Amino acid sequence: MVTFAPADEILRVLREIADEDWMAMPPWARNLAYRLVCLQRPDDVSVLREASADLLSFGPDWDRHAHELRDRADRIEARG
């Protein structure tokens, strides 16, 4: 179901889970969910920054991707 869910719905679930129990969703599932949202909203600066912050929470394996998302958000804002 998540594959075809709209970005708003995916974000709502991610934020609800984070509010209830931040570690309730495994990192791979969070990464996939944020990836789907970023694909649906590639120029949404707030989503890119939220996804970046989430990736930084899971150790150095994801840092490069997190920085790329943050840099993309910076570039979009600069064009702005």
Protein backbone atom coordinates (compact mmCIF):
# COMPACT_ATOMS: atom_id res chain seq x y z
CA MET A 1 0.00 0.00 0.00
CA VAL A 2 2.81 2.43 0.80
CA THR A 3 4.10 2.17 -2.76
CA PHE A 4 1.02 3.92 -4.11
CA ALA A 5 0.20 6.14 -1.13
CA PRO A 6 0.26 9.91 -1.62
CA ALA A 7 3.10 11.84 0.00
CA ASP A 8 0.81 13.45 2.59
CA GLU A 9 -0.34 10.07 3.84
CA ILE A 10 3.18 8.67 4.06
CA LEU A 11 4.37 11.75 5.95
CA ARG A 12 1.42 11.56 8.32
CA VAL A 13 2.26 7.96 9.21
CA LEU A 14 5.97 8.70 9.58
CA ARG A 15 5.26 11.63 11.90
CA GLU A 16 2.70 9.67 13.96
CA ILE A 17 5.16 6.85 14.45
CA ALA A 18 7.89 9.31 15.40
CA ASP A 19 5.61 10.90 18.00
CA GLU A 20 4.58 7.57 19.51
CA ASP A 21 7.82 5.56 19.41
CA TRP A 22 10.64 6.93 17.28
CA MET A 23 12.31 3.53 16.84
CA ALA A 24 9.10 1.58 16.15
CA MET A 25 9.72 1.59 12.40
CA PRO A 26 12.93 -0.08 11.19
CA PRO A 27 15.43 2.19 9.43
CA TRP A 28 15.06 0.44 6.07
CA ALA A 29 11.30 1.07 6.11
CA ARG A 30 11.75 4.73 7.11
CA ASN A 31 14.34 5.20 4.37
CA LEU A 32 12.01 3.66 1.81
CA ALA A 33 9.07 5.77 2.95
CA TYR A 34 11.07 9.00 2.78
CA ARG A 35 12.44 8.00 -0.60
CA LEU A 36 8.91 7.59 -1.94
CA VAL A 37 7.93 10.99 -0.55
CA CYS A 38 11.02 12.63 -2.07
CA LEU A 39 10.22 11.05 -5.43
CA GLN A 40 6.71 12.48 -5.27
CA ARG A 41 7.93 15.89 -4.08
CA PRO A 42 11.44 16.35 -5.45
CA ASP A 43 11.44 20.14 -4.92
CA ASP A 44 9.80 20.27 -1.48
CA VAL A 45 12.51 21.80 0.69
CA SER A 46 10.88 20.88 3.99
CA VAL A 47 10.50 17.24 2.96
CA LEU A 48 14.10 17.06 1.74
CA ARG A 49 15.34 18.48 5.05
CA GLU A 50 13.12 16.14 7.08
CA ALA A 51 14.37 13.12 5.14
CA SER A 52 17.97 14.32 5.55
CA ALA A 53 17.60 14.69 9.31
CA ASP A 54 16.06 11.24 9.56
CA LEU A 55 18.89 9.65 7.59
CA LEU A 56 21.48 11.31 9.83
CA SER A 57 19.88 9.53 12.78
CA PHE A 58 20.98 6.11 11.56
CA GLY A 59 24.73 6.33 11.46
CA PRO A 60 27.44 7.12 9.00
CA ASP A 61 26.27 4.68 6.33
CA TRP A 62 23.56 7.16 5.33
CA ASP A 63 25.40 10.45 5.89
CA ARG A 64 26.37 10.96 2.24
CA HIS A 65 22.76 10.61 1.14
CA ALA A 66 21.57 12.88 3.95
CA HIS A 67 24.04 15.60 2.91
CA GLU A 68 22.97 15.27 -0.72
CA LEU A 69 19.35 15.84 0.27
CA ARG A 70 20.29 18.83 2.41
CA ASP A 71 22.43 20.28 -0.39
CA ARG A 72 19.58 19.84 -2.87
CA ALA A 73 17.25 21.68 -0.50
CA ASP A 74 19.82 24.48 -0.19
CA ARG A 75 20.07 24.79 -3.98
CA ILE A 76 16.29 24.91 -4.38
CA GLU A 77 16.01 27.59 -1.70
CA ALA A 78 18.76 29.63 -3.32
CA ARG A 79 16.89 29.60 -6.64
CA GLY A 80 13.84 30.62 -4.85
